[in-house]
């Protein structure tokens, strides 16, 4: 009887749920690949919460451009995947600097859709390079 109770107690503590509780998420911001990524422009890092949608749009532009570059170059080198922010920032300023908030939100959706369409192909290229 005691052995049955002991086995039940051990099984309860060794369950997958118990293992999941022991996992602690990393709070570090160090990426797993391409550790020397360029930082966002200062204005993006210091933008007010009321204008955060502008930062999100530039990030979405950057991501879409990244996926497109990876596929076009058939390469996932760090400088292809994570170039300076200049091109994304220039596109934002050229196309969206004077538009309304709702237009930026719609544009974000469009850039996300483009990035998501290219993501599987870009992911395969990057995984083959050990850079995903």
Protein backbone atom coordinates (compact mmCIF):
# COMPACT_ATOMS: atom_id res chain seq x y z
CA UNK A 1 0.00 0.00 0.00
CA UNK A 2 2.80 2.39 0.93
CA UNK A 3 4.57 1.71 -2.34
CA UNK A 4 1.40 2.52 -4.29
CA UNK A 5 1.09 5.87 -2.51
CA UNK A 6 4.79 6.59 -3.04
CA UNK A 7 4.55 5.75 -6.75
CA UNK A 8 1.46 7.95 -7.12
CA UNK A 9 3.21 10.82 -5.35
CA UNK A 10 6.30 10.48 -7.55
CA UNK A 11 4.19 10.31 -10.69
CA UNK A 12 2.35 13.47 -9.71
CA UNK A 13 5.57 15.44 -9.22
CA UNK A 14 7.13 14.15 -12.43
CA UNK A 15 4.21 15.11 -14.65
CA UNK A 16 4.62 17.32 -17.73
CA UNK A 17 2.71 20.06 -15.92
CA UNK A 18 5.30 20.04 -13.15
CA UNK A 19 8.10 20.18 -15.71
CA UNK A 20 6.44 23.16 -17.40
CA UNK A 21 6.30 25.01 -14.09
CA UNK A 22 10.05 24.59 -13.79
CA UNK A 23 10.69 26.31 -17.11
CA UNK A 24 11.68 29.91 -16.59
CA UNK A 25 11.47 32.23 -19.59
CA UNK A 26 14.58 34.12 -20.46
CA UNK A 27 14.33 37.79 -19.63
CA UNK A 28 17.46 38.61 -21.59
CA UNK A 29 17.17 40.45 -24.85
CA UNK A 30 20.13 38.74 -26.52
CA UNK A 31 18.93 37.11 -29.76
CA UNK A 32 19.82 33.51 -30.61
CA UNK A 33 21.01 34.38 -34.13
CA UNK A 34 22.67 37.44 -35.64
CA UNK A 35 23.59 38.95 -32.29
CA UNK A 36 25.02 42.10 -33.90
CA UNK A 37 21.68 43.34 -35.22
CA UNK A 38 21.39 47.06 -35.88
CA UNK A 39 19.42 48.96 -33.27
CA UNK A 40 16.23 50.78 -34.10
CA UNK A 41 16.57 54.50 -34.79
CA UNK A 42 16.52 56.61 -31.61
CA UNK A 43 13.23 58.29 -32.46
CA UNK A 44 11.55 54.87 -32.57
CA UNK A 45 12.92 53.82 -29.20
CA UNK A 46 11.85 57.09 -27.59
CA UNK A 47 8.44 57.49 -29.21
CA UNK A 48 5.47 58.29 -26.99
CA UNK A 49 2.93 55.58 -26.28
CA UNK A 50 0.28 57.61 -28.15
CA UNK A 51 2.35 57.33 -31.33
CA UNK A 52 3.55 53.76 -30.91
CA UNK A 53 1.64 52.76 -34.07
CA UNK A 54 4.33 54.62 -36.06
CA UNK A 55 7.04 52.46 -34.54
CA UNK A 56 5.01 49.34 -35.22
CA UNK A 57 4.59 50.34 -38.87
CA UNK A 58 8.33 50.84 -39.34
CA UNK A 59 8.95 47.46 -37.69
CA UNK A 60 6.41 45.86 -40.03
CA UNK A 61 8.04 47.49 -43.06
CA UNK A 62 11.44 46.25 -41.86
CA UNK A 63 10.15 42.69 -41.40
CA UNK A 64 8.50 42.62 -44.84
CA UNK A 65 11.65 43.98 -46.46
CA UNK A 66 13.71 41.39 -44.61
CA UNK A 67 11.60 38.46 -45.83
CA UNK A 68 11.72 39.81 -49.38
CA UNK A 69 15.52 40.22 -49.26
CA UNK A 70 16.07 36.71 -47.91
CA UNK A 71 13.97 35.14 -50.66
CA UNK A 72 15.38 37.34 -53.43
CA UNK A 73 18.99 36.67 -52.40
CA UNK A 74 18.34 33.05 -51.42
CA UNK A 75 20.51 33.91 -48.43
CA UNK A 76 19.99 34.36 -44.74
CA UNK A 77 23.29 36.03 -43.97
CA UNK A 78 22.92 38.41 -41.05
CA UNK A 79 23.46 41.49 -43.22
CA UNK A 80 20.65 40.30 -45.53
CA UNK A 81 18.23 39.43 -42.74
CA UNK A 82 19.08 42.35 -40.45
CA UNK A 83 20.45 45.33 -42.40
CA UNK A 84 20.44 48.87 -41.03
CA UNK A 85 16.99 50.39 -40.54
CA UNK A 86 17.57 53.06 -43.22
CA UNK A 87 15.44 51.52 -45.98
CA UNK A 88 12.45 50.85 -43.72
CA UNK A 89 12.69 54.29 -42.18
CA UNK A 90 12.98 55.93 -45.63
CA UNK A 91 9.91 54.06 -46.88
CA UNK A 92 7.96 55.11 -43.80
CA UNK A 93 8.92 58.77 -44.22
CA UNK A 94 8.24 58.75 -47.97
CA UNK A 95 4.88 56.97 -47.90
CA UNK A 96 3.41 57.49 -44.44
CA UNK A 97 4.85 60.55 -42.69
CA UNK A 98 1.77 62.66 -43.32
CA UNK A 99 -1.05 60.11 -43.33
CA UNK A 100 -3.67 59.49 -40.68
CA UNK A 101 -3.31 56.90 -37.93
CA UNK A 102 -5.91 54.57 -39.47
CA UNK A 103 -3.98 54.55 -42.76
CA UNK A 104 -0.84 53.51 -40.90
CA UNK A 105 -2.74 50.72 -39.19
CA UNK A 106 -4.04 49.49 -42.55
CA UNK A 107 -0.53 49.69 -43.99
CA UNK A 108 0.79 47.60 -41.08
CA UNK A 109 -1.71 44.90 -41.95
CA UNK A 110 -0.55 44.96 -45.57
CA UNK A 111 3.13 44.68 -44.67
CA UNK A 112 2.36 41.85 -42.25
CA UNK A 113 0.45 40.00 -44.96
CA UNK A 114 3.36 40.34 -47.39
CA UNK A 115 5.86 39.20 -44.77
CA UNK A 116 3.68 36.25 -43.78
CA UNK A 117 3.35 35.12 -47.41
CA UNK A 118 7.14 35.07 -47.78
CA UNK A 119 7.85 33.72 -44.29
CA UNK A 120 7.72 29.96 -45.10
CA UNK A 121 10.22 30.32 -47.95
CA UNK A 122 12.45 32.68 -45.96
CA UNK A 123 12.26 30.39 -42.94
CA UNK A 124 13.40 27.37 -44.99
CA UNK A 125 16.36 29.35 -46.34
CA UNK A 126 17.30 30.55 -42.86
CA UNK A 127 16.87 27.15 -41.24
CA UNK A 128 19.16 25.61 -43.86
CA UNK A 129 21.73 28.27 -42.94
CA UNK A 130 21.21 27.66 -39.19
CA UNK A 131 20.05 31.24 -38.86
CA UNK A 132 16.39 31.07 -37.82
